[in-house]
């Protein structure tokens, strides 16, 4: 069992190093990029939160930035919205990023799981690398809301010899 735990921790550490070694994407950069994409699609962008004073690590910013890019792409491709709102909330133990639109929404229960949600699955997998979570709500005619939550402190277990 100890060998399995050690192997899993080593693999997770390598994935974190790989992700942090990728082209660094900051959340501020992705907000600017989102504004350009939404403007090109004739959608208004509203933002709220401490984007300029964010204290998140480069790894967390990179993961959230990639998730934000996917979320905004989904808004443009699928929502038929006129407005997209991005909200950052930074608390003592949790960092959350919410992306919501005023688009057409959809009936989540009517979706074919085999053909939808690939982008959501990718976001969920990214967030799991840092013990984060994803929640998604949509209703016909009421738009959609995606919330990404990440602990402010990423736990790293170090196994000592004692």
N, C-alpha and C. Protein backbone atom coordinates (compact mmCIF):
# COMPACT_ATOMS: atom_id res chain seq x y z
N UNK A 1 0.82 -1.18 0.00
CA UNK A 1 0.00 0.00 0.00
C UNK A 1 0.88 1.26 0.00
N UNK A 2 1.98 1.22 0.75
CA UNK A 2 2.89 2.37 0.79
C UNK A 2 3.50 2.62 -0.58
N UNK A 3 3.83 1.55 -1.32
CA UNK A 3 4.39 1.71 -2.67
C UNK A 3 3.39 2.40 -3.59
N UNK A 4 2.13 2.02 -3.49
CA UNK A 4 1.09 2.63 -4.32
C UNK A 4 0.95 4.11 -3.98
N UNK A 5 0.94 4.45 -2.68
CA UNK A 5 0.84 5.84 -2.27
C UNK A 5 2.04 6.65 -2.76
N UNK A 6 3.23 6.07 -2.64
CA UNK A 6 4.44 6.77 -3.08
C UNK A 6 4.40 6.99 -4.58
N UNK A 7 4.00 5.97 -5.34
CA UNK A 7 3.90 6.09 -6.79
C UNK A 7 2.88 7.16 -7.18
N UNK A 8 1.73 7.14 -6.51
CA UNK A 8 0.69 8.13 -6.82
C UNK A 8 1.17 9.55 -6.52
N UNK A 9 1.83 9.73 -5.40
CA UNK A 9 2.34 11.06 -5.04
C UNK A 9 3.40 11.53 -6.02
N UNK A 10 4.26 10.61 -6.43
CA UNK A 10 5.30 10.96 -7.40
C UNK A 10 4.68 11.36 -8.73
N UNK A 11 3.68 10.60 -9.17
CA UNK A 11 3.01 10.92 -10.43
C UNK A 11 2.32 12.28 -10.35
N UNK A 12 1.64 12.55 -9.23
CA UNK A 12 0.97 13.83 -9.06
C UNK A 12 1.99 14.97 -9.06
N UNK A 13 3.10 14.78 -8.38
CA UNK A 13 4.15 15.80 -8.36
C UNK A 13 4.67 16.07 -9.77
N UNK A 14 4.87 15.01 -10.56
CA UNK A 14 5.35 15.18 -11.93
C UNK A 14 4.34 15.92 -12.79
N UNK A 15 3.05 15.61 -12.61
CA UNK A 15 2.01 16.31 -13.37
C UNK A 15 1.99 17.78 -13.00
N UNK A 16 2.09 18.07 -11.70
CA UNK A 16 2.12 19.47 -11.26
C UNK A 16 3.31 20.21 -11.85
N UNK A 17 4.48 19.56 -11.87
CA UNK A 17 5.67 20.18 -12.45
C UNK A 17 5.49 20.40 -13.95
N UNK A 18 4.89 19.42 -14.61
CA UNK A 18 4.65 19.53 -16.05
C UNK A 18 3.72 20.71 -16.34
N UNK A 19 2.62 20.77 -15.60
CA UNK A 19 1.64 21.82 -15.81
C UNK A 19 2.26 23.19 -15.52
N UNK A 20 3.01 23.30 -14.42
CA UNK A 20 3.60 24.60 -14.10
C UNK A 20 4.71 24.98 -15.06
N UNK A 21 5.31 23.99 -15.74
CA UNK A 21 6.35 24.28 -16.72
C UNK A 21 5.80 24.69 -18.07
N UNK A 22 4.50 24.52 -18.26
CA UNK A 22 3.88 24.93 -19.52
C UNK A 22 3.88 26.45 -19.62
N UNK A 23 3.53 26.93 -20.79
CA UNK A 23 3.40 28.38 -20.98
C UNK A 23 2.50 28.93 -19.87
N UNK A 24 3.06 29.78 -19.07
CA UNK A 24 2.33 30.32 -17.92
C UNK A 24 1.18 31.21 -18.40
N UNK A 25 0.00 30.88 -17.96
CA UNK A 25 -1.20 31.65 -18.26
C UNK A 25 -1.67 32.24 -16.95
N UNK A 26 -1.76 33.55 -16.88
CA UNK A 26 -2.30 34.15 -15.66
C UNK A 26 -3.78 34.42 -15.87
N UNK A 27 -4.47 34.50 -14.78
CA UNK A 27 -5.90 34.77 -14.85
C UNK A 27 -6.16 36.16 -15.43
N UNK A 28 -5.31 37.11 -15.09
CA UNK A 28 -5.45 38.47 -15.66
C UNK A 28 -5.35 38.44 -17.18
N UNK A 29 -4.38 37.67 -17.70
CA UNK A 29 -4.22 37.55 -19.15
C UNK A 29 -5.46 36.91 -19.77
N UNK A 30 -5.98 35.90 -19.12
CA UNK A 30 -7.15 35.21 -19.66
C UNK A 30 -8.40 36.09 -19.61
N UNK A 31 -8.50 36.96 -18.62
CA UNK A 31 -9.64 37.89 -18.57
C UNK A 31 -9.57 38.83 -19.77
N UNK A 32 -8.37 39.34 -20.06
CA UNK A 32 -8.21 40.21 -21.24
C UNK A 32 -8.55 39.44 -22.52
N UNK A 33 -8.07 38.22 -22.61
CA UNK A 33 -8.34 37.38 -23.78
C UNK A 33 -9.85 37.12 -23.90
N UNK A 34 -10.50 36.84 -22.77
CA UNK A 34 -11.95 36.60 -22.77
C UNK A 34 -12.69 37.83 -23.29
N UNK A 35 -12.24 39.01 -22.87
CA UNK A 35 -12.87 40.25 -23.36
C UNK A 35 -12.78 40.38 -24.86
N UNK A 36 -11.63 40.02 -25.42
CA UNK A 36 -11.45 40.09 -26.88
C UNK A 36 -12.35 39.08 -27.60
N UNK A 37 -12.39 37.86 -27.09
CA UNK A 37 -13.22 36.83 -27.72
C UNK A 37 -14.70 37.19 -27.65
N UNK A 38 -15.14 37.64 -26.48
CA UNK A 38 -16.54 38.00 -26.32
C UNK A 38 -16.91 39.21 -27.16
N UNK A 39 -16.02 40.19 -27.24
CA UNK A 39 -16.29 41.37 -28.08
C UNK A 39 -16.43 40.96 -29.54
N UNK A 40 -15.57 40.06 -30.00
CA UNK A 40 -15.65 39.59 -31.38
C UNK A 40 -16.97 38.86 -31.65
N UNK A 41 -17.53 38.24 -30.59
CA UNK A 41 -18.81 37.54 -30.73
C UNK A 41 -19.99 38.45 -30.40
N UNK A 42 -19.71 39.75 -30.24
CA UNK A 42 -20.73 40.75 -29.92
C UNK A 42 -21.44 40.45 -28.60
N UNK A 43 -20.63 40.04 -27.60
CA UNK A 43 -21.14 39.79 -26.25
C UNK A 43 -20.44 40.74 -25.28
N UNK A 44 -21.18 41.18 -24.31
CA UNK A 44 -20.65 42.08 -23.28
C UNK A 44 -19.98 41.25 -22.17
N UNK A 45 -18.87 41.76 -21.65
CA UNK A 45 -18.18 41.11 -20.54
C UNK A 45 -18.31 41.96 -19.29
N UNK A 46 -18.72 41.36 -18.20
CA UNK A 46 -18.73 42.00 -16.89
C UNK A 46 -17.79 41.21 -16.01
N UNK A 47 -16.94 41.90 -15.25
CA UNK A 47 -16.05 41.21 -14.33
C UNK A 47 -16.20 41.82 -12.94
N UNK A 48 -15.91 41.00 -11.96
CA UNK A 48 -15.97 41.43 -10.58
C UNK A 48 -14.99 40.58 -9.78
N UNK A 49 -14.25 41.23 -8.89
CA UNK A 49 -13.33 40.48 -8.04
C UNK A 49 -11.92 41.02 -8.08
N UNK A 50 -11.07 40.49 -7.21
CA UNK A 50 -9.70 41.00 -7.05
C UNK A 50 -8.71 40.40 -8.05
N UNK A 51 -8.98 40.53 -9.34
CA UNK A 51 -8.10 39.93 -10.35
C UNK A 51 -6.68 40.50 -10.30
N UNK A 52 -6.55 41.78 -10.02
CA UNK A 52 -5.23 42.41 -10.02
C UNK A 52 -4.42 42.09 -8.76
N UNK A 53 -5.08 41.80 -7.66
CA UNK A 53 -4.39 41.54 -6.40
C UNK A 53 -4.41 40.07 -6.01
N UNK A 54 -4.71 39.21 -6.95
CA UNK A 54 -4.83 37.79 -6.66
C UNK A 54 -3.56 37.21 -6.06
N UNK A 55 -3.72 36.36 -5.05
CA UNK A 55 -2.57 35.77 -4.37
C UNK A 55 -2.35 34.32 -4.75
N UNK A 56 -3.10 33.80 -5.69
CA UNK A 56 -2.99 32.38 -6.06
C UNK A 56 -1.63 32.08 -6.68
N UNK A 57 -1.19 30.85 -6.49
CA UNK A 57 0.09 30.40 -7.04
C UNK A 57 0.04 30.39 -8.57
N UNK A 58 1.19 30.40 -9.22
CA UNK A 58 1.21 30.32 -10.69
C UNK A 58 0.52 29.05 -11.20
N UNK A 59 0.66 27.92 -10.50
CA UNK A 59 0.00 26.69 -10.92
C UNK A 59 -1.51 26.86 -10.90
N UNK A 60 -2.05 27.40 -9.82
CA UNK A 60 -3.50 27.59 -9.70
C UNK A 60 -3.98 28.60 -10.74
N UNK A 61 -3.24 29.69 -10.94
CA UNK A 61 -3.63 30.67 -11.95
C UNK A 61 -3.63 30.04 -13.35
N UNK A 62 -2.63 29.21 -13.62
CA UNK A 62 -2.54 28.56 -14.91
C UNK A 62 -3.76 27.64 -15.13
N UNK A 63 -4.06 26.83 -14.14
CA UNK A 63 -5.21 25.91 -14.27
C UNK A 63 -6.52 26.67 -14.40
N UNK A 64 -6.71 27.68 -13.56
CA UNK A 64 -7.94 28.47 -13.66
C UNK A 64 -8.01 29.23 -14.98
N UNK A 65 -6.87 29.72 -15.45
CA UNK A 65 -6.84 30.41 -16.74
C UNK A 65 -7.25 29.50 -17.89
N UNK A 66 -6.74 28.26 -17.88
CA UNK A 66 -7.11 27.31 -18.93
C UNK A 66 -8.60 26.95 -18.84
N UNK A 67 -9.09 26.79 -17.61
CA UNK A 67 -10.52 26.50 -17.44
C UNK A 67 -11.38 27.68 -17.88
N UNK A 68 -10.92 28.89 -17.57
CA UNK A 68 -11.66 30.08 -18.00
C UNK A 68 -11.72 30.17 -19.52
N UNK A 69 -10.62 29.87 -20.16
CA UNK A 69 -10.59 29.89 -21.63
C UNK A 69 -11.62 28.92 -22.20
N UNK A 70 -11.68 27.72 -21.65
CA UNK A 70 -12.65 26.71 -22.11
C UNK A 70 -14.08 27.19 -21.83
N UNK A 71 -14.31 27.75 -20.65
CA UNK A 71 -15.65 28.21 -20.30
C UNK A 71 -16.13 29.32 -21.22
N UNK A 72 -15.27 30.28 -21.51
CA UNK A 72 -15.65 31.39 -22.39
C UNK A 72 -15.88 30.88 -23.81
N UNK A 73 -15.05 29.95 -24.24
CA UNK A 73 -15.26 29.34 -25.57
C UNK A 73 -16.63 28.68 -25.63
N UNK A 74 -17.03 27.99 -24.55
CA UNK A 74 -18.35 27.35 -24.51
C UNK A 74 -19.46 28.39 -24.56
N UNK A 75 -19.30 29.50 -23.86
CA UNK A 75 -20.31 30.56 -23.89
C UNK A 75 -20.49 31.06 -25.32
N UNK A 76 -19.38 31.32 -26.00
CA UNK A 76 -19.44 31.84 -27.37
C UNK A 76 -20.06 30.82 -28.32
N UNK A 77 -19.66 29.56 -28.20
CA UNK A 77 -20.11 28.53 -29.14
C UNK A 77 -21.55 28.08 -28.92
N UNK A 78 -21.99 28.05 -27.67
CA UNK A 78 -23.25 27.36 -27.39
C UNK A 78 -24.36 28.19 -26.78
N UNK A 79 -24.06 29.33 -26.16
CA UNK A 79 -25.07 29.99 -25.32
C UNK A 79 -26.05 30.90 -26.04
N UNK A 80 -25.61 31.52 -27.14
CA UNK A 80 -26.39 32.57 -27.79
C UNK A 80 -26.69 33.71 -26.81
N UNK A 81 -25.74 33.98 -25.94
CA UNK A 81 -25.88 35.01 -24.91
C UNK A 81 -25.52 36.38 -25.47
N UNK A 82 -25.91 37.41 -24.73
CA UNK A 82 -25.49 38.78 -25.04
C UNK A 82 -24.53 39.29 -23.98
N UNK A 83 -24.48 38.57 -22.84
CA UNK A 83 -23.63 39.00 -21.73
C UNK A 83 -23.01 37.79 -21.04
N UNK A 84 -21.75 37.96 -20.65
CA UNK A 84 -21.03 36.95 -19.88
C UNK A 84 -20.44 37.66 -18.66
N UNK A 85 -20.63 37.08 -17.51
CA UNK A 85 -20.14 37.67 -16.26
C UNK A 85 -19.13 36.71 -15.63
N UNK A 86 -17.97 37.26 -15.24
CA UNK A 86 -16.91 36.47 -14.61
C UNK A 86 -16.63 37.08 -13.24
N UNK A 87 -16.76 36.26 -12.19
CA UNK A 87 -16.61 36.74 -10.83
C UNK A 87 -15.54 35.92 -10.12
N UNK A 88 -14.58 36.62 -9.52
CA UNK A 88 -13.55 35.98 -8.72
C UNK A 88 -13.80 36.32 -7.26
N UNK A 89 -13.80 35.29 -6.41
CA UNK A 89 -13.94 35.50 -4.97
C UNK A 89 -12.79 34.78 -4.29
N UNK A 90 -12.06 35.52 -3.47
CA UNK A 90 -10.90 34.97 -2.79
C UNK A 90 -11.15 35.08 -1.29
N UNK A 91 -11.28 33.93 -0.64
CA UNK A 91 -11.50 33.89 0.79
C UNK A 91 -10.27 33.26 1.45
N UNK A 92 -10.30 33.16 2.76
CA UNK A 92 -9.15 32.62 3.49
C UNK A 92 -8.83 31.18 3.07
N UNK A 93 -9.84 30.37 2.83
CA UNK A 93 -9.58 28.97 2.53
C UNK A 93 -10.01 28.53 1.13
N UNK A 94 -10.62 29.43 0.36
CA UNK A 94 -11.16 29.02 -0.94
C UNK A 94 -11.07 30.16 -1.96
N UNK A 95 -10.73 29.78 -3.17
CA UNK A 95 -10.71 30.69 -4.30
C UNK A 95 -11.75 30.17 -5.28
N UNK A 96 -12.68 31.02 -5.69
CA UNK A 96 -13.69 30.55 -6.64
C UNK A 96 -13.80 31.52 -7.82
N UNK A 97 -14.04 30.93 -8.97
CA UNK A 97 -14.21 31.67 -10.21
C UNK A 97 -15.52 31.22 -10.82
N UNK A 98 -16.42 32.17 -11.06
CA UNK A 98 -17.73 31.85 -11.62
C UNK A 98 -17.86 32.51 -12.98
N UNK A 99 -18.35 31.74 -13.95
CA UNK A 99 -18.62 32.24 -15.30
C UNK A 99 -20.09 31.97 -15.57
N UNK A 100 -20.85 33.04 -15.80
CA UNK A 100 -22.27 32.86 -16.06
C UNK A 100 -22.68 33.69 -17.27
N UNK A 101 -23.70 33.21 -17.96
CA UNK A 101 -24.19 33.92 -19.14
C UNK A 101 -25.70 34.07 -19.07
N UNK A 102 -26.22 34.94 -19.91
CA UNK A 102 -27.67 35.15 -19.98
C UNK A 102 -28.24 34.50 -21.23
N UNK A 103 -27.63 33.43 -21.66
CA UNK A 103 -28.02 32.77 -22.90
C UNK A 103 -29.21 31.85 -22.78
N UNK A 104 -29.30 30.97 -23.75
CA UNK A 104 -30.48 30.11 -23.87
C UNK A 104 -30.52 28.98 -22.84
N UNK A 105 -29.37 28.68 -22.21
CA UNK A 105 -29.35 27.57 -21.26
C UNK A 105 -29.74 26.27 -21.94
N UNK A 106 -30.00 25.26 -21.17
CA UNK A 106 -30.47 23.99 -21.71
C UNK A 106 -30.94 23.12 -20.57
N UNK A 107 -31.62 22.06 -20.92
CA UNK A 107 -32.11 21.11 -19.94
C UNK A 107 -31.01 20.07 -19.72
N UNK A 108 -30.34 20.16 -18.57
CA UNK A 108 -29.23 19.26 -18.28
C UNK A 108 -29.65 17.79 -18.32
N UNK A 109 -30.86 17.50 -17.87
CA UNK A 109 -31.31 16.10 -17.82
C UNK A 109 -31.57 15.53 -19.20
N UNK A 110 -31.74 16.40 -20.20
CA UNK A 110 -32.02 15.92 -21.56
C UNK A 110 -30.75 15.70 -22.38
N UNK A 111 -29.60 16.00 -21.80
CA UNK A 111 -28.34 15.88 -22.54
C UNK A 111 -27.90 14.43 -22.65
N UNK A 112 -27.35 14.09 -23.78
CA UNK A 112 -26.74 12.79 -23.99
C UNK A 112 -25.32 12.86 -23.44
N UNK A 113 -25.07 12.16 -22.35
CA UNK A 113 -23.76 12.24 -21.68
C UNK A 113 -22.61 11.85 -22.59
N UNK A 114 -22.86 11.03 -23.59
CA UNK A 114 -21.79 10.60 -24.49
C UNK A 114 -21.37 11.67 -25.48
N UNK A 115 -22.22 12.67 -25.71
CA UNK A 115 -21.89 13.65 -26.74
C UNK A 115 -21.65 15.05 -26.20
N UNK A 116 -21.86 15.26 -24.92
CA UNK A 116 -21.67 16.59 -24.37
C UNK A 116 -20.74 16.56 -23.17
N UNK A 117 -20.25 17.72 -22.81
CA UNK A 117 -19.52 17.85 -21.58
C UNK A 117 -18.05 17.50 -21.63
N UNK A 118 -17.47 17.33 -22.82
CA UNK A 118 -16.04 17.01 -22.89
C UNK A 118 -15.19 18.13 -22.31
N UNK A 119 -15.57 19.38 -22.61
CA UNK A 119 -14.84 20.51 -22.06
C UNK A 119 -14.99 20.58 -20.55
N UNK A 120 -16.21 20.29 -20.06
CA UNK A 120 -16.44 20.27 -18.62
C UNK A 120 -15.61 19.17 -17.95
N UNK A 121 -15.53 18.02 -18.59
CA UNK A 121 -14.74 16.92 -18.05
C UNK A 121 -13.27 17.30 -17.96
N UNK A 122 -12.74 17.96 -19.00
CA UNK A 122 -11.35 18.41 -18.99
C UNK A 122 -11.10 19.41 -17.87
N UNK A 123 -12.04 20.32 -17.66
CA UNK A 123 -11.90 21.30 -16.58
C UNK A 123 -11.90 20.59 -15.23
N UNK A 124 -12.82 19.65 -15.07
CA UNK A 124 -12.91 18.91 -13.81
C UNK A 124 -11.61 18.17 -13.52
N UNK A 125 -11.05 17.53 -14.54
CA UNK A 125 -9.80 16.80 -14.36
C UNK A 125 -8.65 17.74 -14.00
N UNK A 126 -8.59 18.90 -14.62
CA UNK A 126 -7.55 19.88 -14.27
C UNK A 126 -7.67 20.31 -12.82
N UNK A 127 -8.89 20.61 -12.41
CA UNK A 127 -9.12 21.09 -11.05
C UNK A 127 -8.77 20.02 -10.01
N UNK A 128 -9.01 18.77 -10.35
CA UNK A 128 -8.69 17.69 -9.41
C UNK A 128 -7.20 17.62 -9.10
N UNK A 129 -6.36 18.12 -10.00
CA UNK A 129 -4.92 18.14 -9.75
C UNK A 129 -4.57 19.00 -8.54
N UNK A 130 -5.41 19.99 -8.24
CA UNK A 130 -5.16 20.88 -7.12
C UNK A 130 -6.30 20.80 -6.09
N UNK A 131 -6.96 19.66 -6.05
CA UNK A 131 -8.05 19.40 -5.11
C UNK A 131 -9.22 20.37 -5.29
N UNK A 132 -9.42 20.81 -6.53
CA UNK A 132 -10.50 21.74 -6.82
C UNK A 132 -11.77 21.03 -7.25
N UNK A 133 -12.83 21.81 -7.38
CA UNK A 133 -14.14 21.26 -7.76
C UNK A 133 -14.79 22.15 -8.81
N UNK A 134 -15.69 21.56 -9.55
CA UNK A 134 -16.45 22.26 -10.59
C UNK A 134 -17.92 22.02 -10.32
N UNK A 135 -18.72 23.07 -10.43
CA UNK A 135 -20.17 22.89 -10.40
C UNK A 135 -20.74 23.63 -11.61
N UNK A 136 -21.80 23.06 -12.16
CA UNK A 136 -22.40 23.62 -13.37
C UNK A 136 -23.91 23.53 -13.26
N UNK A 137 -24.57 24.64 -13.57
CA UNK A 137 -26.03 24.66 -13.60
C UNK A 137 -26.48 25.35 -14.87
N UNK A 138 -27.55 24.82 -15.45
CA UNK A 138 -28.16 25.44 -16.64
C UNK A 138 -29.64 25.10 -16.64
N UNK A 139 -30.43 26.08 -17.11
CA UNK A 139 -31.86 25.85 -17.26
C UNK A 139 -32.29 26.49 -18.57
N UNK A 140 -33.22 25.86 -19.28
CA UNK A 140 -33.68 26.44 -20.55
C UNK A 140 -34.15 27.88 -20.37
N UNK A 141 -33.61 28.77 -21.20
CA UNK A 141 -34.00 30.17 -21.18
C UNK A 141 -33.39 30.99 -20.06
N UNK A 142 -32.61 30.38 -19.18
CA UNK A 142 -32.06 31.10 -18.03
C UNK A 142 -30.53 31.16 -18.02
N UNK A 143 -29.90 30.76 -19.08
CA UNK A 143 -28.45 30.81 -19.14
C UNK A 143 -27.80 29.68 -18.39
N UNK A 144 -26.50 29.82 -18.17
CA UNK A 144 -25.72 28.78 -17.50
C UNK A 144 -24.76 29.43 -16.52
N UNK A 145 -24.37 28.66 -15.51
CA UNK A 145 -23.41 29.12 -14.50
C UNK A 145 -22.44 27.99 -14.20
N UNK A 146 -21.15 28.34 -14.32
CA UNK A 146 -20.07 27.41 -14.04
C UNK A 146 -19.25 28.00 -12.91
N UNK A 147 -19.01 27.23 -11.86
CA UNK A 147 -18.20 27.70 -10.74
C UNK A 147 -17.03 26.74 -10.53
N UNK A 148 -15.83 27.31 -10.50
CA UNK A 148 -14.60 26.57 -10.27
C UNK A 148 -14.11 26.96 -8.88
N UNK A 149 -13.86 25.99 -8.02
CA UNK A 149 -13.41 26.26 -6.66
C UNK A 149 -12.10 25.54 -6.40
N UNK A 150 -11.16 26.25 -5.80
CA UNK A 150 -9.85 25.70 -5.50
C UNK A 150 -9.48 26.10 -4.07
N UNK A 151 -8.97 25.16 -3.26
CA UNK A 151 -8.51 25.56 -1.93
C UNK A 151 -7.39 26.59 -2.04
N UNK A 152 -7.38 27.55 -1.13
CA UNK A 152 -6.35 28.59 -1.16
C UNK A 152 -4.97 28.01 -0.89
N UNK A 153 -4.93 26.96 -0.09
CA UNK A 153 -3.66 26.29 0.21
C UNK A 153 -3.76 24.88 -0.34
N UNK A 154 -2.86 24.56 -1.27
CA UNK A 154 -2.83 23.24 -1.86
C UNK A 154 -2.05 22.32 -0.93
N UNK A 155 -2.68 21.23 -0.50
CA UNK A 155 -2.02 20.30 0.40
C UNK A 155 -1.02 19.45 -0.35
N UNK A 156 0.15 19.32 0.19
CA UNK A 156 1.15 18.42 -0.36
C UNK A 156 1.61 17.54 0.77
N UNK A 157 1.40 16.26 0.64
CA UNK A 157 1.77 15.34 1.68
C UNK A 157 3.21 14.91 1.48
N UNK A 158 4.00 15.08 2.53
CA UNK A 158 5.40 14.67 2.48
C UNK A 158 5.54 13.53 3.47
N UNK A 159 6.02 12.43 3.01
CA UNK A 159 6.18 11.27 3.86
C UNK A 159 7.60 11.25 4.42
N UNK A 160 7.71 11.30 5.71
CA UNK A 160 9.01 11.28 6.35
C UNK A 160 9.36 9.90 6.86
N UNK A 161 10.56 9.73 7.29
CA UNK A 161 11.00 8.44 7.77
C UNK A 161 10.63 8.19 9.22
N UNK A 162 10.05 9.17 9.91
CA UNK A 162 9.75 9.00 11.33
C UNK A 162 8.40 8.43 11.57
